[in-house]
Amino acid sequence: MFSGIVQTVGTLVQRESVGLGQRLTVQAQVPGGPLALGESVAINGACLTVETVEGESLRFFCSRETLERTTLGLLPVGSKVNVERALRVGDLLGGHWVSGHVDAKARVLAVRREGEGVVVRCEIPKKLSPEIAEKGSVAVDGVSLTVSRLGGSWFEVSLVPFTLQQTTLGQLRPGALVNLETDLLAKYVRRVLAERG
C-alpha cells in the first residue's frame, strides 16, 4: 500500500524482454534505508517487487498484465519515473490510499498554466467514469491528486509548484499517456451498488 506521495524521481536505465514480460532496471536514490529483496516499490504508480539491488540500481520484473495495463512497457530507456516505497505501519498518510494496482492508461488532453501552477486535463476511460468524482482522489503516474474539475469524459487536476518540481508530472504534454488509479473506496462502493442491482 502506498500514499501517492512520491519520494524520489528515478531513471529507467535498462529494459530486457523475458518471455511475455520484461525486466526493468531503475536507478534511484530511495530514502528510508536500504531496500530489501521482495520489497514493494511503486514505479509511476505500478506496484513492483524488488528482485535485485545493486547500489542505486533496482531491478523489477513486469508481467504481461502490468505491461498491458500500464505505460511501463512504453517508456523509452532514459525516461524519468516516480518512485515510492510501500508504507510502513505508523507512516504519515499525506495523500490517499493507493494500492499500486493501475486501472488503465489515460491520455493527457490539455496542459495549461494557471499562475505558478499547472492544470492537467486527462481523459477518463469509460469503464472508470463512475469511480471519479469532483474533489475526490485519483493517482496519476503514482501521484496522489485531487480532481479539481470533472466533465463527461475528462477530469482535471491542479498541480502546485512543489509537485511540478518533485515528480515527473511537470513534464506532461498533451497526447502523453499516464497511469491512472481511481480511489479504492470508489471501487468498493461501485461493487456494492452493482451487487444490489
N, C-alpha and C. Protein backbone atom coordinates (compact mmCIF):
# COMPACT_ATOMS: atom_id res chain seq x y z
N MET A 1 0.84 -1.19 0.00
CA MET A 1 0.00 0.00 0.00
C MET A 1 0.88 1.24 0.00
N PHE A 2 0.43 2.26 -0.73
CA PHE A 2 1.20 3.49 -0.89
C PHE A 2 0.31 4.69 -0.56
N SER A 3 0.92 5.87 -0.52
CA SER A 3 0.16 7.08 -0.22
C SER A 3 0.04 8.01 -1.41
N GLY A 4 0.82 7.75 -2.47
CA GLY A 4 0.81 8.65 -3.61
C GLY A 4 1.68 9.88 -3.40
N ILE A 5 2.52 9.85 -2.36
CA ILE A 5 3.48 10.93 -2.13
C ILE A 5 4.83 10.44 -2.63
N VAL A 6 5.21 10.89 -3.82
CA VAL A 6 6.43 10.42 -4.47
C VAL A 6 7.64 10.81 -3.63
N GLN A 7 8.54 9.84 -3.42
CA GLN A 7 9.71 10.07 -2.58
C GLN A 7 10.94 10.52 -3.38
N THR A 8 11.02 10.09 -4.62
CA THR A 8 12.14 10.48 -5.46
C THR A 8 11.79 10.21 -6.92
N VAL A 9 12.54 10.83 -7.80
CA VAL A 9 12.41 10.56 -9.23
C VAL A 9 13.63 9.76 -9.66
N GLY A 10 13.38 8.63 -10.30
CA GLY A 10 14.47 7.78 -10.79
C GLY A 10 14.53 7.80 -12.30
N THR A 11 15.43 7.00 -12.84
CA THR A 11 15.63 6.91 -14.29
C THR A 11 15.57 5.45 -14.73
N LEU A 12 14.80 5.18 -15.76
CA LEU A 12 14.78 3.84 -16.35
C LEU A 12 16.07 3.68 -17.17
N VAL A 13 16.93 2.76 -16.75
CA VAL A 13 18.25 2.65 -17.40
C VAL A 13 18.40 1.40 -18.26
N GLN A 14 17.50 0.42 -18.08
CA GLN A 14 17.62 -0.80 -18.89
C GLN A 14 16.28 -1.50 -18.99
N ARG A 15 16.05 -2.13 -20.14
CA ARG A 15 14.85 -2.91 -20.39
C ARG A 15 15.26 -4.21 -21.07
N GLU A 16 14.75 -5.32 -20.56
CA GLU A 16 15.11 -6.63 -21.11
C GLU A 16 13.84 -7.47 -21.25
N SER A 17 13.61 -8.00 -22.44
CA SER A 17 12.46 -8.87 -22.66
C SER A 17 12.72 -10.24 -22.06
N VAL A 18 11.73 -10.75 -21.33
CA VAL A 18 11.82 -12.06 -20.70
C VAL A 18 10.50 -12.78 -20.95
N GLY A 19 10.46 -13.64 -21.96
CA GLY A 19 9.21 -14.29 -22.33
C GLY A 19 8.17 -13.25 -22.72
N LEU A 20 7.01 -13.29 -22.07
CA LEU A 20 5.95 -12.32 -22.34
C LEU A 20 6.07 -11.07 -21.46
N GLY A 21 7.04 -11.08 -20.57
CA GLY A 21 7.24 -9.95 -19.68
C GLY A 21 8.51 -9.18 -19.99
N GLN A 22 8.86 -8.29 -19.10
CA GLN A 22 10.09 -7.51 -19.24
C GLN A 22 10.72 -7.31 -17.87
N ARG A 23 12.03 -7.20 -17.86
CA ARG A 23 12.75 -6.87 -16.64
C ARG A 23 13.26 -5.44 -16.78
N LEU A 24 12.89 -4.59 -15.83
CA LEU A 24 13.27 -3.18 -15.87
C LEU A 24 14.29 -2.88 -14.78
N THR A 25 15.28 -2.06 -15.14
CA THR A 25 16.24 -1.58 -14.16
C THR A 25 16.07 -0.08 -14.00
N VAL A 26 15.85 0.33 -12.77
CA VAL A 26 15.64 1.74 -12.45
C VAL A 26 16.75 2.19 -11.52
N GLN A 27 17.33 3.33 -11.83
CA GLN A 27 18.34 3.91 -10.95
C GLN A 27 17.69 5.02 -10.14
N ALA A 28 17.77 4.90 -8.80
CA ALA A 28 17.10 5.87 -7.94
C ALA A 28 17.71 5.87 -6.55
N GLN A 29 17.77 7.05 -5.94
CA GLN A 29 18.17 7.18 -4.54
C GLN A 29 16.89 7.17 -3.71
N VAL A 30 16.53 6.02 -3.18
CA VAL A 30 15.27 5.87 -2.44
C VAL A 30 15.54 6.10 -0.95
N PRO A 31 14.86 7.06 -0.33
CA PRO A 31 15.08 7.33 1.10
C PRO A 31 14.49 6.23 1.97
N GLY A 32 14.88 6.25 3.25
CA GLY A 32 14.28 5.31 4.21
C GLY A 32 15.12 4.09 4.49
N GLY A 33 16.39 4.11 4.13
CA GLY A 33 17.25 2.96 4.39
C GLY A 33 17.29 2.00 3.22
N PRO A 34 18.15 0.98 3.30
CA PRO A 34 18.32 0.04 2.19
C PRO A 34 17.02 -0.68 1.84
N LEU A 35 16.80 -0.88 0.56
CA LEU A 35 15.66 -1.67 0.12
C LEU A 35 15.96 -3.15 0.27
N ALA A 36 14.96 -3.91 0.68
CA ALA A 36 15.11 -5.35 0.84
C ALA A 36 14.60 -6.07 -0.40
N LEU A 37 15.20 -7.21 -0.71
CA LEU A 37 14.68 -8.02 -1.80
C LEU A 37 13.26 -8.44 -1.47
N GLY A 38 12.38 -8.35 -2.46
CA GLY A 38 10.98 -8.69 -2.25
C GLY A 38 10.13 -7.52 -1.79
N GLU A 39 10.76 -6.38 -1.52
CA GLU A 39 10.02 -5.20 -1.08
C GLU A 39 9.19 -4.63 -2.24
N SER A 40 8.07 -4.03 -1.90
CA SER A 40 7.20 -3.41 -2.91
C SER A 40 7.58 -1.95 -3.11
N VAL A 41 7.71 -1.57 -4.38
CA VAL A 41 8.03 -0.20 -4.74
C VAL A 41 7.11 0.19 -5.89
N ALA A 42 6.52 1.38 -5.81
CA ALA A 42 5.67 1.87 -6.90
C ALA A 42 6.54 2.65 -7.89
N ILE A 43 6.48 2.23 -9.15
CA ILE A 43 7.17 2.92 -10.23
C ILE A 43 6.10 3.51 -11.14
N ASN A 44 6.01 4.84 -11.16
CA ASN A 44 4.92 5.52 -11.88
C ASN A 44 3.56 4.97 -11.49
N GLY A 45 3.44 4.63 -10.21
CA GLY A 45 2.15 4.19 -9.70
C GLY A 45 1.89 2.71 -9.77
N ALA A 46 2.78 1.94 -10.41
CA ALA A 46 2.58 0.49 -10.54
C ALA A 46 3.41 -0.22 -9.47
N CYS A 47 2.77 -1.03 -8.65
CA CYS A 47 3.45 -1.75 -7.59
C CYS A 47 4.28 -2.87 -8.19
N LEU A 48 5.59 -2.80 -7.97
CA LEU A 48 6.52 -3.82 -8.47
C LEU A 48 7.32 -4.39 -7.30
N THR A 49 7.86 -5.59 -7.49
CA THR A 49 8.64 -6.26 -6.46
C THR A 49 10.12 -6.15 -6.78
N VAL A 50 10.90 -5.73 -5.78
CA VAL A 50 12.34 -5.60 -5.96
C VAL A 50 12.97 -6.99 -6.09
N GLU A 51 13.61 -7.24 -7.23
CA GLU A 51 14.29 -8.53 -7.46
C GLU A 51 15.75 -8.47 -7.04
N THR A 52 16.43 -7.39 -7.42
CA THR A 52 17.83 -7.22 -7.03
C THR A 52 18.09 -5.75 -6.73
N VAL A 53 19.07 -5.54 -5.86
CA VAL A 53 19.51 -4.19 -5.53
C VAL A 53 21.03 -4.16 -5.65
N GLU A 54 21.52 -3.27 -6.50
CA GLU A 54 22.97 -3.09 -6.64
C GLU A 54 23.25 -1.60 -6.55
N GLY A 55 23.59 -1.15 -5.35
CA GLY A 55 23.76 0.28 -5.14
C GLY A 55 22.44 1.00 -5.33
N GLU A 56 22.41 1.89 -6.31
CA GLU A 56 21.17 2.63 -6.60
C GLU A 56 20.39 2.01 -7.75
N SER A 57 20.84 0.85 -8.24
CA SER A 57 20.15 0.17 -9.34
C SER A 57 19.17 -0.86 -8.79
N LEU A 58 17.91 -0.71 -9.15
CA LEU A 58 16.85 -1.61 -8.70
C LEU A 58 16.30 -2.35 -9.90
N ARG A 59 16.14 -3.66 -9.76
CA ARG A 59 15.62 -4.44 -10.89
C ARG A 59 14.27 -5.02 -10.53
N PHE A 60 13.33 -4.92 -11.48
CA PHE A 60 11.95 -5.39 -11.29
C PHE A 60 11.52 -6.21 -12.50
N PHE A 61 10.64 -7.18 -12.27
CA PHE A 61 10.03 -7.92 -13.37
C PHE A 61 8.61 -7.41 -13.57
N CYS A 62 8.25 -7.16 -14.82
CA CYS A 62 6.88 -6.74 -15.18
C CYS A 62 6.21 -7.85 -15.96
N SER A 63 5.09 -8.32 -15.48
CA SER A 63 4.33 -9.36 -16.18
C SER A 63 3.61 -8.78 -17.39
N ARG A 64 3.07 -9.63 -18.21
CA ARG A 64 2.31 -9.16 -19.38
C ARG A 64 1.13 -8.29 -18.95
N GLU A 65 0.46 -8.65 -17.86
CA GLU A 65 -0.66 -7.85 -17.35
C GLU A 65 -0.21 -6.44 -17.02
N THR A 66 0.92 -6.32 -16.34
CA THR A 66 1.45 -4.99 -15.99
C THR A 66 1.79 -4.20 -17.24
N LEU A 67 2.40 -4.83 -18.21
CA LEU A 67 2.80 -4.14 -19.44
C LEU A 67 1.58 -3.68 -20.24
N GLU A 68 0.51 -4.48 -20.22
CA GLU A 68 -0.69 -4.13 -20.98
C GLU A 68 -1.51 -3.04 -20.27
N ARG A 69 -1.51 -3.08 -18.94
CA ARG A 69 -2.37 -2.19 -18.18
C ARG A 69 -1.73 -0.82 -17.92
N THR A 70 -0.39 -0.78 -17.94
CA THR A 70 0.32 0.44 -17.58
C THR A 70 1.16 0.96 -18.75
N THR A 71 1.82 2.09 -18.49
CA THR A 71 2.70 2.68 -19.51
C THR A 71 4.13 2.16 -19.40
N LEU A 72 4.42 1.29 -18.45
CA LEU A 72 5.80 0.90 -18.21
C LEU A 72 6.46 0.23 -19.42
N GLY A 73 5.67 -0.48 -20.22
CA GLY A 73 6.23 -1.11 -21.40
C GLY A 73 6.47 -0.15 -22.55
N LEU A 74 5.98 1.09 -22.41
CA LEU A 74 6.09 2.08 -23.49
C LEU A 74 7.19 3.10 -23.24
N LEU A 75 7.69 3.17 -22.02
CA LEU A 75 8.67 4.20 -21.68
C LEU A 75 10.03 3.89 -22.31
N PRO A 76 10.62 4.84 -23.01
CA PRO A 76 11.97 4.61 -23.55
C PRO A 76 13.01 4.63 -22.44
N VAL A 77 14.10 3.89 -22.64
CA VAL A 77 15.21 3.94 -21.71
C VAL A 77 15.68 5.39 -21.59
N GLY A 78 15.93 5.82 -20.38
CA GLY A 78 16.29 7.21 -20.12
C GLY A 78 15.15 8.02 -19.54
N SER A 79 13.93 7.45 -19.56
CA SER A 79 12.76 8.16 -19.03
C SER A 79 12.86 8.32 -17.52
N LYS A 80 12.36 9.44 -17.03
CA LYS A 80 12.25 9.67 -15.60
C LYS A 80 10.97 9.01 -15.08
N VAL A 81 11.04 8.45 -13.87
CA VAL A 81 9.89 7.75 -13.29
C VAL A 81 9.73 8.16 -11.83
N ASN A 82 8.47 8.18 -11.37
CA ASN A 82 8.16 8.46 -9.97
C ASN A 82 8.37 7.20 -9.15
N VAL A 83 9.01 7.35 -7.99
CA VAL A 83 9.34 6.20 -7.15
C VAL A 83 8.81 6.43 -5.73
N GLU A 84 8.10 5.43 -5.20
CA GLU A 84 7.64 5.46 -3.81
C GLU A 84 7.72 4.06 -3.24
N ARG A 85 8.38 3.92 -2.10
CA ARG A 85 8.40 2.61 -1.44
C ARG A 85 7.11 2.45 -0.62
N ALA A 86 6.75 1.21 -0.33
CA ALA A 86 5.50 0.93 0.36
C ALA A 86 5.48 1.56 1.74
N LEU A 87 4.27 1.89 2.21
CA LEU A 87 4.09 2.46 3.54
C LEU A 87 4.43 1.45 4.62
N ARG A 88 4.96 1.97 5.72
CA ARG A 88 5.14 1.17 6.92
C ARG A 88 4.07 1.57 7.93
N VAL A 89 3.75 0.67 8.84
CA VAL A 89 2.79 1.00 9.89
C VAL A 89 3.31 2.20 10.67
N GLY A 90 2.48 3.22 10.80
CA GLY A 90 2.87 4.42 11.53
C GLY A 90 3.33 5.55 10.63
N ASP A 91 3.54 5.28 9.33
CA ASP A 91 3.93 6.35 8.41
C ASP A 91 2.79 7.35 8.24
N LEU A 92 3.16 8.60 7.97
CA LEU A 92 2.16 9.62 7.68
C LEU A 92 1.49 9.31 6.35
N LEU A 93 0.18 9.47 6.31
CA LEU A 93 -0.57 9.29 5.06
C LEU A 93 -0.91 10.67 4.52
N GLY A 94 0.03 11.23 3.76
CA GLY A 94 -0.15 12.59 3.27
C GLY A 94 -1.02 12.68 2.04
N GLY A 95 -1.19 11.57 1.33
CA GLY A 95 -2.00 11.58 0.12
C GLY A 95 -3.32 10.85 0.36
N HIS A 96 -3.47 9.67 -0.28
CA HIS A 96 -4.64 8.83 -0.03
C HIS A 96 -4.20 7.38 -0.22
N TRP A 97 -5.07 6.44 0.11
CA TRP A 97 -4.72 5.03 -0.04
C TRP A 97 -4.56 4.70 -1.51
N VAL A 98 -3.35 4.33 -1.89
CA VAL A 98 -3.04 3.96 -3.29
C VAL A 98 -2.52 2.52 -3.26
N SER A 99 -3.17 1.65 -4.01
CA SER A 99 -2.79 0.23 -3.97
C SER A 99 -1.60 -0.10 -4.86
N GLY A 100 -1.36 0.74 -5.86
CA GLY A 100 -0.32 0.42 -6.83
C GLY A 100 -0.82 -0.51 -7.92
N HIS A 101 -2.13 -0.76 -7.94
CA HIS A 101 -2.74 -1.59 -8.99
C HIS A 101 -3.39 -0.64 -10.00
N VAL A 102 -2.65 -0.32 -11.02
CA VAL A 102 -3.11 0.65 -12.02
C VAL A 102 -4.34 0.12 -12.74
N ASP A 103 -5.35 0.98 -12.88
CA ASP A 103 -6.59 0.58 -13.53
C ASP A 103 -6.50 0.64 -15.05
N ALA A 104 -5.86 1.67 -15.56
CA ALA A 104 -5.82 1.86 -17.01
C ALA A 104 -4.83 2.95 -17.36
N LYS A 105 -4.50 2.99 -18.64
CA LYS A 105 -3.74 4.13 -19.18
C LYS A 105 -4.75 5.20 -19.59
N ALA A 106 -4.37 6.46 -19.39
CA ALA A 106 -5.23 7.57 -19.79
C ALA A 106 -4.40 8.59 -20.55
N ARG A 107 -5.04 9.25 -21.51
CA ARG A 107 -4.32 10.22 -22.34
C ARG A 107 -4.49 11.63 -21.78
N VAL A 108 -3.40 12.37 -21.78
CA VAL A 108 -3.44 13.78 -21.38
C VAL A 108 -4.04 14.57 -22.54
N LEU A 109 -5.11 15.32 -22.26
CA LEU A 109 -5.81 16.07 -23.31
C LEU A 109 -5.32 17.51 -23.42
N ALA A 110 -4.95 18.09 -22.28
CA ALA A 110 -4.52 19.50 -22.30
C ALA A 110 -3.68 19.79 -21.07
N VAL A 111 -2.77 20.74 -21.22
CA VAL A 111 -1.94 21.22 -20.11
C VAL A 111 -1.91 22.74 -20.21
N ARG A 112 -2.31 23.41 -19.13
CA ARG A 112 -2.30 24.88 -19.19
C ARG A 112 -1.75 25.47 -17.89
N ARG A 113 -1.04 26.56 -18.04
CA ARG A 113 -0.52 27.29 -16.89
C ARG A 113 -1.65 28.02 -16.19
N GLU A 114 -1.57 28.05 -14.87
CA GLU A 114 -2.55 28.79 -14.08
C GLU A 114 -1.79 29.39 -12.90
N GLY A 115 -1.34 30.62 -13.05
CA GLY A 115 -0.49 31.22 -12.03
C GLY A 115 0.84 30.49 -11.98
N GLU A 116 1.25 30.10 -10.78
CA GLU A 116 2.50 29.35 -10.63
C GLU A 116 2.31 27.85 -10.82
N GLY A 117 1.06 27.43 -10.93
CA GLY A 117 0.77 26.01 -11.08
C GLY A 117 0.40 25.64 -12.51
N VAL A 118 -0.01 24.41 -12.66
CA VAL A 118 -0.40 23.87 -13.96
C VAL A 118 -1.66 23.04 -13.77
N VAL A 119 -2.59 23.16 -14.71
CA VAL A 119 -3.79 22.33 -14.71
C VAL A 119 -3.67 21.32 -15.84
N VAL A 120 -3.86 20.06 -15.51
CA VAL A 120 -3.77 18.97 -16.49
C VAL A 120 -5.15 18.35 -16.66
N ARG A 121 -5.57 18.25 -17.92
CA ARG A 121 -6.84 17.58 -18.23
C ARG A 121 -6.54 16.21 -18.83
N CYS A 122 -7.14 15.18 -18.26
CA CYS A 122 -6.94 13.80 -18.73
C CYS A 122 -8.28 13.20 -19.14
N GLU A 123 -8.22 12.31 -20.10
CA GLU A 123 -9.42 11.57 -20.48
C GLU A 123 -9.78 10.60 -19.36
N ILE A 124 -11.05 10.24 -19.31
CA ILE A 124 -11.50 9.20 -18.38
C ILE A 124 -11.86 7.97 -19.20
N PRO A 125 -11.13 6.87 -19.06
CA PRO A 125 -11.57 5.64 -19.72
C PRO A 125 -13.01 5.33 -19.29
N LYS A 126 -13.85 5.01 -20.25
CA LYS A 126 -15.29 4.89 -20.00
C LYS A 126 -15.61 3.97 -18.82
N LYS A 127 -14.89 2.87 -18.69
CA LYS A 127 -15.19 1.91 -17.62
C LYS A 127 -14.90 2.47 -16.23
N LEU A 128 -14.09 3.53 -16.16
CA LEU A 128 -13.72 4.11 -14.86
C LEU A 128 -14.54 5.34 -14.49
N SER A 129 -15.39 5.78 -15.37
CA SER A 129 -16.13 7.02 -15.15
C SER A 129 -16.87 7.06 -13.81
N PRO A 130 -17.55 5.99 -13.38
CA PRO A 130 -18.27 6.06 -12.09
C PRO A 130 -17.36 6.16 -10.87
N GLU A 131 -16.07 5.93 -11.05
CA GLU A 131 -15.15 5.90 -9.91
C GLU A 131 -14.38 7.21 -9.74
N ILE A 132 -14.70 8.22 -10.54
CA ILE A 132 -14.02 9.50 -10.44
C ILE A 132 -15.03 10.58 -10.10
N ALA A 133 -14.75 11.33 -9.05
CA ALA A 133 -15.68 12.37 -8.58
C ALA A 133 -14.93 13.67 -8.34
N GLU A 134 -15.63 14.78 -8.58
CA GLU A 134 -15.03 16.09 -8.30
C GLU A 134 -14.70 16.20 -6.81
N LYS A 135 -13.49 16.66 -6.52
CA LYS A 135 -12.92 16.76 -5.17
C LYS A 135 -12.58 15.40 -4.58
N GLY A 136 -12.69 14.35 -5.39
CA GLY A 136 -12.25 13.03 -4.97
C GLY A 136 -10.77 12.85 -5.27
N SER A 137 -10.22 11.72 -4.85
CA SER A 137 -8.81 11.44 -5.06
C SER A 137 -8.59 10.56 -6.27
N VAL A 138 -7.44 10.77 -6.92
CA VAL A 138 -7.03 9.95 -8.04
C VAL A 138 -5.51 9.92 -8.06
N ALA A 139 -4.93 8.82 -8.51
CA ALA A 139 -3.47 8.74 -8.63
C ALA A 139 -3.11 8.78 -10.12
N VAL A 140 -2.27 9.74 -10.49
CA VAL A 140 -1.79 9.89 -11.86
C VAL A 140 -0.29 9.64 -11.86
N ASP A 141 0.14 8.58 -12.54
CA ASP A 141 1.55 8.16 -12.51
C ASP A 141 2.06 8.04 -11.08
N GLY A 142 1.17 7.57 -10.20
CA GLY A 142 1.55 7.32 -8.82
C GLY A 142 1.47 8.52 -7.89
N VAL A 143 1.04 9.67 -8.40
CA VAL A 143 0.97 10.89 -7.60
C VAL A 143 -0.46 11.09 -7.11
N SER A 144 -0.64 11.22 -5.80
CA SER A 144 -1.96 11.46 -5.23
C SER A 144 -2.41 12.88 -5.55
N LEU A 145 -3.57 12.99 -6.21
CA LEU A 145 -4.08 14.29 -6.63
C LEU A 145 -5.57 14.38 -6.34
N THR A 146 -6.06 15.61 -6.29
CA THR A 146 -7.49 15.86 -6.10
C THR A 146 -8.10 16.29 -7.43
N VAL A 147 -9.22 15.71 -7.78
CA VAL A 147 -9.92 16.09 -9.00
C VAL A 147 -10.50 17.48 -8.81
N SER A 148 -10.03 18.43 -9.59
CA SER A 148 -10.48 19.83 -9.42
C SER A 148 -11.70 20.15 -10.27
N ARG A 149 -11.79 19.54 -11.43
CA ARG A 149 -12.97 19.72 -12.31
C ARG A 149 -13.26 18.40 -13.00
N LEU A 150 -14.52 18.22 -13.36
CA LEU A 150 -14.95 16.96 -13.95
C LEU A 150 -15.92 17.22 -15.08
N GLY A 151 -15.65 16.60 -16.23
CA GLY A 151 -16.56 16.66 -17.36
C GLY A 151 -17.09 15.27 -17.67
N GLY A 152 -17.83 15.15 -18.75
CA GLY A 152 -18.40 13.85 -19.09
C GLY A 152 -17.37 12.80 -19.42
N SER A 153 -16.28 13.19 -20.08
CA SER A 153 -15.27 12.22 -20.49
C SER A 153 -13.87 12.63 -20.08
N TRP A 154 -13.77 13.61 -19.17
CA TRP A 154 -12.45 14.08 -18.74
C TRP A 154 -12.49 14.55 -17.29
N PHE A 155 -11.30 14.65 -16.70
CA PHE A 155 -11.16 15.26 -15.38
C PHE A 155 -9.91 16.12 -15.40
N GLU A 156 -9.88 17.08 -14.48
CA GLU A 156 -8.71 17.94 -14.35
C GLU A 156 -8.12 17.84 -12.95
N VAL A 157 -6.80 18.00 -12.88
CA VAL A 157 -6.09 18.08 -11.62
C VAL A 157 -5.21 19.33 -11.65
N SER A 158 -5.07 19.97 -10.51
CA SER A 158 -4.25 21.18 -10.41
C SER A 158 -2.94 20.83 -9.72
N LEU A 159 -1.84 21.13 -10.38
CA LEU A 159 -0.52 20.78 -9.87
C LEU A 159 0.15 22.02 -9.30
N VAL A 160 0.56 21.94 -8.04
CA VAL A 160 1.24 23.05 -7.39
C VAL A 160 2.73 22.99 -7.75
N PRO A 161 3.47 24.09 -7.56
CA PRO A 161 4.89 24.11 -7.93
C PRO A 161 5.70 22.96 -7.32
N PHE A 162 5.43 22.59 -6.06
CA PHE A 162 6.19 21.51 -5.43
C PHE A 162 6.03 20.21 -6.20
N THR A 163 4.79 19.90 -6.58
CA THR A 163 4.54 18.67 -7.35
C THR A 163 5.24 18.71 -8.70
N LEU A 164 5.22 19.86 -9.34
CA LEU A 164 5.88 20.01 -10.64
C LEU A 164 7.38 19.79 -10.53
N GLN A 165 7.97 20.19 -9.40
CA GLN A 165 9.42 20.08 -9.22
C GLN A 165 9.84 18.70 -8.73
N GLN A 166 9.01 18.04 -7.93
CA GLN A 166 9.41 16.82 -7.24
C GLN A 166 8.91 15.54 -7.89
N THR A 167 8.15 15.63 -8.97
CA THR A 167 7.64 14.46 -9.68
C THR A 167 7.85 14.64 -11.18
N THR A 168 7.47 13.64 -11.92
CA THR A 168 7.58 13.72 -13.39
C THR A 168 6.43 14.49 -14.03
N LEU A 169 5.42 14.87 -13.25
CA LEU A 169 4.22 15.48 -13.85
C LEU A 169 4.49 16.83 -14.49
N GLY A 170 5.57 17.48 -14.11
CA GLY A 170 5.93 18.74 -14.75
C GLY A 170 6.34 18.58 -16.20
N GLN A 171 6.60 17.34 -16.62
CA GLN A 171 6.99 17.06 -18.00
C GLN A 171 5.81 16.70 -18.90
N LEU A 172 4.62 16.62 -18.34
CA LEU A 172 3.47 16.16 -19.12
C LEU A 172 3.13 17.12 -20.25
N ARG A 173 2.77 16.55 -21.39
CA ARG A 173 2.36 17.30 -22.56
C ARG A 173 1.11 16.65 -23.14
N PRO A 174 0.28 17.41 -23.87
CA PRO A 174 -0.90 16.81 -24.50
C PRO A 174 -0.50 15.62 -25.37
N GLY A 175 -1.29 14.55 -25.27
CA GLY A 175 -1.02 13.34 -26.03
C GLY A 175 -0.28 12.28 -25.25
N ALA A 176 0.34 12.67 -24.14
CA ALA A 176 1.08 11.71 -23.32
C ALA A 176 0.11 10.73 -22.65
N LEU A 177 0.59 9.53 -22.39
CA LEU A 177 -0.19 8.53 -21.66
C LEU A 177 0.30 8.47 -20.22
N VAL A 178 -0.64 8.36 -19.28
CA VAL A 178 -0.30 8.27 -17.87
C VAL A 178 -1.01 7.06 -17.26
N ASN A 179 -0.45 6.58 -16.15
CA ASN A 179 -1.10 5.51 -15.39
C ASN A 179 -2.15 6.12 -14.47
N LEU A 180 -3.31 5.52 -14.47
CA LEU A 180 -4.44 6.04 -13.70
C LEU A 180 -4.94 4.98 -12.71
N GLU A 181 -5.06 5.38 -11.45
CA GLU A 181 -5.67 4.51 -10.44
C GLU A 181 -6.73 5.31 -9.71
N THR A 182 -7.95 4.83 -9.74
CA THR A 182 -9.04 5.51 -9.05
C THR A 182 -9.01 5.16 -7.56
N ASP A 183 -9.82 5.88 -6.79
CA ASP A 183 -9.83 5.71 -5.34
C ASP A 183 -10.39 4.35 -4.94
N LEU A 184 -9.74 3.70 -3.97
CA LEU A 184 -10.17 2.38 -3.52
C LEU A 184 -11.60 2.38 -3.01
N LEU A 185 -11.97 3.41 -2.27
CA LEU A 185 -13.33 3.49 -1.73
C LEU A 185 -14.36 3.51 -2.85
N ALA A 186 -14.07 4.25 -3.92
CA ALA A 186 -14.99 4.32 -5.05
C ALA A 186 -15.19 2.95 -5.68
N LYS A 187 -14.15 2.14 -5.73
CA LYS A 187 -14.26 0.79 -6.30
C LYS A 187 -15.23 -0.06 -5.50
N TYR A 188 -15.09 -0.01 -4.17
CA TYR A 188 -15.94 -0.84 -3.33
C TYR A 188 -17.39 -0.36 -3.32
N VAL A 189 -17.59 0.95 -3.32
CA VAL A 189 -18.95 1.48 -3.39
C VAL A 189 -19.61 1.04 -4.70
N ARG A 190 -18.85 1.15 -5.79
CA ARG A 190 -19.40 0.74 -7.09
C ARG A 190 -19.77 -0.74 -7.08
N ARG A 191 -18.92 -1.58 -6.47
CA ARG A 191 -19.17 -3.02 -6.42
C ARG A 191 -20.43 -3.33 -5.61
N VAL A 192 -20.56 -2.67 -4.47
CA VAL A 192 -21.74 -2.90 -3.63
C VAL A 192 -23.02 -2.49 -4.37
N LEU A 193 -22.98 -1.33 -5.04
CA LEU A 193 -24.16 -0.86 -5.77
C LEU A 193 -24.49 -1.81 -6.92
N ALA A 194 -23.46 -2.34 -7.58
CA ALA A 194 -23.70 -3.28 -8.68
C ALA A 194 -24.36 -4.56 -8.17
N GLU A 195 -23.91 -5.04 -6.99
CA GLU A 195 -24.50 -6.25 -6.41
C GLU A 195 -25.96 -6.04 -6.04
N ARG A 196 -26.31 -4.79 -5.68
CA ARG A 196 -27.69 -4.50 -5.31
C ARG A 196 -28.57 -4.23 -6.52
N GLY A 197 -27.95 -4.19 -7.68
CA GLY A 197 -28.71 -4.00 -8.91
C GLY A 197 -29.02 -2.55 -9.17
